[in-house]
Amino acid sequence: MYEKEVLNGAAWLDRMNPGWYKKVELNGLDLMYPSSCSLGQTLGKNVSTHLCDDMAFSVSHGFNLRLLPTIETQTKGYIFKKKVEVQVPVSPERRNKSFSVLTAAWIQEILRRREKDRLMKEAQEALHP
């Protein structure tokens, strides 16, 4: 989930700030907050906030989530074969979980890139001791 969007965002960051993934502090990475996200940590909070205001860009590049609804419909049961639905607020836990999944996708991509760098360095050292 979110892999495609994160790859789009990572490619964009590669063009804007090569080596960006080396600068990200994984323990502080949290896509819910502009200063703690991959953009905020590499390009600064102001840039992150500005880009995330462009919802289409930030969602397609894995920097933000589509706005989650604040109200959802839940089925409570049936009366005379007719579904009974009620409107309830979306829980903060549900929203937080979505951002946690997005953050995990970024962590996975950053770790993949760091491992690739490590393997390339080892290969170069083996060829040129």
C-alpha atoms as a PDB file:
ATOM      1  CA  MET A   1       0.000   0.000   0.000  1.00  0.00           C
ATOM      2  CA  TYR A   2       1.364   3.427  -1.022  1.00  0.00           C
ATOM      3  CA  GLU A   3       4.435   1.872  -2.721  1.00  0.00           C
ATOM      4  CA  LYS A   4       3.702   3.520  -6.078  1.00  0.00           C
ATOM      5  CA  GLU A   5       3.210   6.930  -4.505  1.00  0.00           C
ATOM      6  CA  VAL A   6       6.368   6.609  -2.409  1.00  0.00           C
ATOM      7  CA  LEU A   7       8.381   5.627  -5.496  1.00  0.00           C
ATOM      8  CA  ASN A   8       7.028   8.741  -7.272  1.00  0.00           C
ATOM      9  CA  GLY A   9       8.039  10.905  -4.312  1.00  0.00           C
ATOM     10  CA  ALA A  10      11.459   9.281  -4.006  1.00  0.00           C
ATOM     11  CA  ALA A  11      12.144   9.847  -7.718  1.00  0.00           C
ATOM     12  CA  TRP A  12      11.085  13.488  -7.344  1.00  0.00           C
ATOM     13  CA  LEU A  13      13.393  13.910  -4.341  1.00  0.00           C
ATOM     14  CA  ASP A  14      16.219  12.270  -6.328  1.00  0.00           C
ATOM     15  CA  ARG A  15      15.887  15.046  -8.894  1.00  0.00           C
ATOM     16  CA  MET A  16      15.520  17.846  -6.356  1.00  0.00           C
ATOM     17  CA  ASN A  17      18.009  16.714  -3.711  1.00  0.00           C
ATOM     18  CA  PRO A  18      20.211  13.734  -4.698  1.00  0.00           C
ATOM     19  CA  GLY A  19      21.139  11.576  -1.717  1.00  0.00           C
ATOM     20  CA  TRP A  20      18.137  12.832   0.264  1.00  0.00           C
ATOM     21  CA  TYR A  21      17.572   9.403   1.842  1.00  0.00           C
ATOM     22  CA  LYS A  22      20.932   9.610   3.628  1.00  0.00           C
ATOM     23  CA  LYS A  23      19.730  12.717   5.490  1.00  0.00           C
ATOM     24  CA  VAL A  24      16.436  11.343   6.807  1.00  0.00           C
ATOM     25  CA  GLU A  25      16.381  10.434  10.492  1.00  0.00           C
ATOM     26  CA  LEU A  26      14.257   7.294  10.505  1.00  0.00           C
ATOM     27  CA  ASN A  27      13.411   7.471  14.207  1.00  0.00           C
ATOM     28  CA  GLY A  28      11.887  10.907  13.659  1.00  0.00           C
ATOM     29  CA  LEU A  29      10.158  10.169  10.351  1.00  0.00           C
ATOM     30  CA  ASP A  30       6.420  10.783  10.567  1.00  0.00           C
ATOM     31  CA  LEU A  31       4.401  11.680   7.475  1.00  0.00           C
ATOM     32  CA  MET A  32       1.658  13.185   9.606  1.00  0.00           C
ATOM     33  CA  TYR A  33       3.794  16.267  10.356  1.00  0.00           C
ATOM     34  CA  PRO A  34       5.430  18.514   7.703  1.00  0.00           C
ATOM     35  CA  SER A  35       8.640  19.031   9.671  1.00  0.00           C
ATOM     36  CA  SER A  36       9.075  15.289  10.318  1.00  0.00           C
ATOM     37  CA  CYS A  37       8.212  13.900   6.890  1.00  0.00           C
ATOM     38  CA  SER A  38      10.661  12.985   4.134  1.00  0.00           C
ATOM     39  CA  LEU A  39      10.182  16.419   2.564  1.00  0.00           C
ATOM     40  CA  GLY A  40      10.502  18.342   5.811  1.00  0.00           C
ATOM     41  CA  GLN A  41      13.653  16.528   6.866  1.00  0.00           C
ATOM     42  CA  THR A  42      15.413  17.027   3.527  1.00  0.00           C
ATOM     43  CA  LEU A  43      14.070  20.304   2.099  1.00  0.00           C
ATOM     44  CA  GLY A  44      12.752  22.052   5.206  1.00  0.00           C
ATOM     45  CA  LYS A  45       9.385  22.509   6.868  1.00  0.00           C
ATOM     46  CA  ASN A  46       8.383  25.552   4.780  1.00  0.00           C
ATOM     47  CA  VAL A  47       8.934  23.716   1.485  1.00  0.00           C
ATOM     48  CA  SER A  48       7.138  20.670   2.861  1.00  0.00           C
ATOM     49  CA  THR A  49       4.144  22.678   4.027  1.00  0.00           C
ATOM     50  CA  HIS A  50       3.924  24.540   0.698  1.00  0.00           C
ATOM     51  CA  LEU A  51       4.121  21.355  -1.413  1.00  0.00           C
ATOM     52  CA  CYS A  52       1.666  19.470   0.778  1.00  0.00           C
ATOM     53  CA  ASP A  53      -0.837  22.282   0.274  1.00  0.00           C
ATOM     54  CA  ASP A  54      -0.989  21.036  -3.332  1.00  0.00           C
ATOM     55  CA  MET A  55      -3.054  17.960  -2.464  1.00  0.00           C
ATOM     56  CA  ALA A  56      -2.862  16.337  -5.914  1.00  0.00           C
ATOM     57  CA  PHE A  57       0.957  16.552  -5.948  1.00  0.00           C
ATOM     58  CA  SER A  58       1.473  15.508  -2.347  1.00  0.00           C
ATOM     59  CA  VAL A  59      -0.883  12.509  -2.589  1.00  0.00           C
ATOM     60  CA  SER A  60       0.484  11.239  -5.914  1.00  0.00           C
ATOM     61  CA  HIS A  61       4.044  11.513  -4.562  1.00  0.00           C
ATOM     62  CA  GLY A  62       3.372   9.839  -1.213  1.00  0.00           C
ATOM     63  CA  PHE A  63       3.933  12.948   0.886  1.00  0.00           C
ATOM     64  CA  ASN A  64       0.347  13.100   2.119  1.00  0.00           C
ATOM     65  CA  LEU A  65      -2.887  11.130   2.175  1.00  0.00           C
ATOM     66  CA  ARG A  66      -6.120  11.917   0.458  1.00  0.00           C
ATOM     67  CA  LEU A  67      -8.299  13.708   2.919  1.00  0.00           C
ATOM     68  CA  LEU A  68     -10.064  11.083   4.936  1.00  0.00           C
ATOM     69  CA  PRO A  69     -13.743  11.687   5.469  1.00  0.00           C
ATOM     70  CA  THR A  70     -14.676  13.048   8.852  1.00  0.00           C
ATOM     71  CA  ILE A  71     -17.954  11.098   8.798  1.00  0.00           C
ATOM     72  CA  GLU A  72     -18.534   7.534   7.656  1.00  0.00           C
ATOM     73  CA  THR A  73     -21.623   5.392   7.280  1.00  0.00           C
ATOM     74  CA  GLN A  74     -21.907   2.218   9.310  1.00  0.00           C
ATOM     75  CA  THR A  75     -24.567  -0.465   9.067  1.00  0.00           C
ATOM     76  CA  LYS A  76     -26.161  -1.050  12.451  1.00  0.00           C
ATOM     77  CA  GLY A  77     -28.537  -3.816  11.453  1.00  0.00           C
ATOM     78  CA  TYR A  78     -31.706  -4.551   9.533  1.00  0.00           C
ATOM     79  CA  ILE A  79     -35.347  -3.793  10.240  1.00  0.00           C
ATOM     80  CA  PHE A  80     -37.861  -5.563   8.005  1.00  0.00           C
ATOM     81  CA  LYS A  81     -35.059  -6.413   5.531  1.00  0.00           C
ATOM     82  CA  LYS A  82     -34.114  -2.754   5.251  1.00  0.00           C
ATOM     83  CA  LYS A  83     -30.575  -1.811   6.159  1.00  0.00           C
ATOM     84  CA  VAL A  84     -30.252   0.643   9.042  1.00  0.00           C
ATOM     85  CA  GLU A  85     -27.253   2.926   8.645  1.00  0.00           C
ATOM     86  CA  VAL A  86     -25.937   5.642  10.913  1.00  0.00           C
ATOM     87  CA  GLN A  87     -23.389   8.410  10.384  1.00  0.00           C
ATOM     88  CA  VAL A  88     -20.462   8.310  12.810  1.00  0.00           C
ATOM     89  CA  PRO A  89     -17.246  10.316  13.071  1.00  0.00           C
ATOM     90  CA  VAL A  90     -14.063   8.740  11.686  1.00  0.00           C
ATOM     91  CA  SER A  91     -11.806   7.920  14.581  1.00  0.00           C
ATOM     92  CA  PRO A  92      -8.434   9.628  15.016  1.00  0.00           C
ATOM     93  CA  GLU A  93      -6.988   6.118  15.364  1.00  0.00           C
ATOM     94  CA  ARG A  94      -8.060   5.289  11.804  1.00  0.00           C
ATOM     95  CA  ARG A  95      -6.422   8.440  10.455  1.00  0.00           C
ATOM     96  CA  ASN A  96      -3.253   7.844  12.487  1.00  0.00           C
ATOM     97  CA  LYS A  97      -3.050   4.262  11.222  1.00  0.00           C
ATOM     98  CA  SER A  98      -3.178   5.466   7.607  1.00  0.00           C
ATOM     99  CA  PHE A  99      -0.282   7.850   8.217  1.00  0.00           C
ATOM    100  CA  SER A 100       1.608   5.065  10.009  1.00  0.00           C
ATOM    101  CA  VAL A 101       1.270   2.843   6.940  1.00  0.00           C
ATOM    102  CA  LEU A 102       2.484   5.675   4.696  1.00  0.00           C
ATOM    103  CA  THR A 103       5.440   6.344   7.011  1.00  0.00           C
ATOM    104  CA  ALA A 104       6.313   2.627   6.992  1.00  0.00           C
ATOM    105  CA  ALA A 105       6.341   2.654   3.176  1.00  0.00           C
ATOM    106  CA  TRP A 106       8.820   5.555   3.209  1.00  0.00           C
ATOM    107  CA  ILE A 107      11.015   3.794   5.778  1.00  0.00           C
ATOM    108  CA  GLN A 108      11.069   0.687   3.602  1.00  0.00           C
ATOM    109  CA  GLU A 109      12.142   2.708   0.539  1.00  0.00           C
ATOM    110  CA  ILE A 110      14.830   4.589   2.466  1.00  0.00           C
ATOM    111  CA  LEU A 111      16.232   1.355   3.905  1.00  0.00           C
ATOM    112  CA  ARG A 112      16.224  -0.219   0.433  1.00  0.00           C
ATOM    113  CA  ARG A 113      18.236   2.685  -0.946  1.00  0.00           C
ATOM    114  CA  ARG A 114      20.690   2.664   1.947  1.00  0.00           C
ATOM    115  CA  GLU A 115      21.243  -1.075   1.524  1.00  0.00           C
ATOM    116  CA  LYS A 116      21.856  -0.601  -2.207  1.00  0.00           C
ATOM    117  CA  ASP A 117      24.472   2.063  -1.397  1.00  0.00           C
ATOM    118  CA  ARG A 118      26.145  -0.240   1.131  1.00  0.00           C
ATOM    119  CA  LEU A 119      26.333  -3.097  -1.368  1.00  0.00           C
ATOM    120  CA  MET A 120      27.737  -0.810  -4.068  1.00  0.00           C
ATOM    121  CA  LYS A 121      30.402   0.465  -1.672  1.00  0.00           C
ATOM    122  CA  GLU A 122      31.376  -3.101  -0.708  1.00  0.00           C
ATOM    123  CA  ALA A 123      31.610  -4.087  -4.372  1.00  0.00           C
ATOM    124  CA  GLN A 124      33.824  -1.088  -5.152  1.00  0.00           C
ATOM    125  CA  GLU A 125      36.072  -1.844  -2.182  1.00  0.00           C
ATOM    126  CA  ALA A 126      36.380  -5.461  -3.298  1.00  0.00           C
ATOM    127  CA  LEU A 127      37.407  -4.356  -6.800  1.00  0.00           C
ATOM    128  CA  HIS A 128      39.796  -1.650  -5.562  1.00  0.00           C
ATOM    129  CA  PRO A 129      41.212  -2.759  -2.183  1.00  0.00           C
END
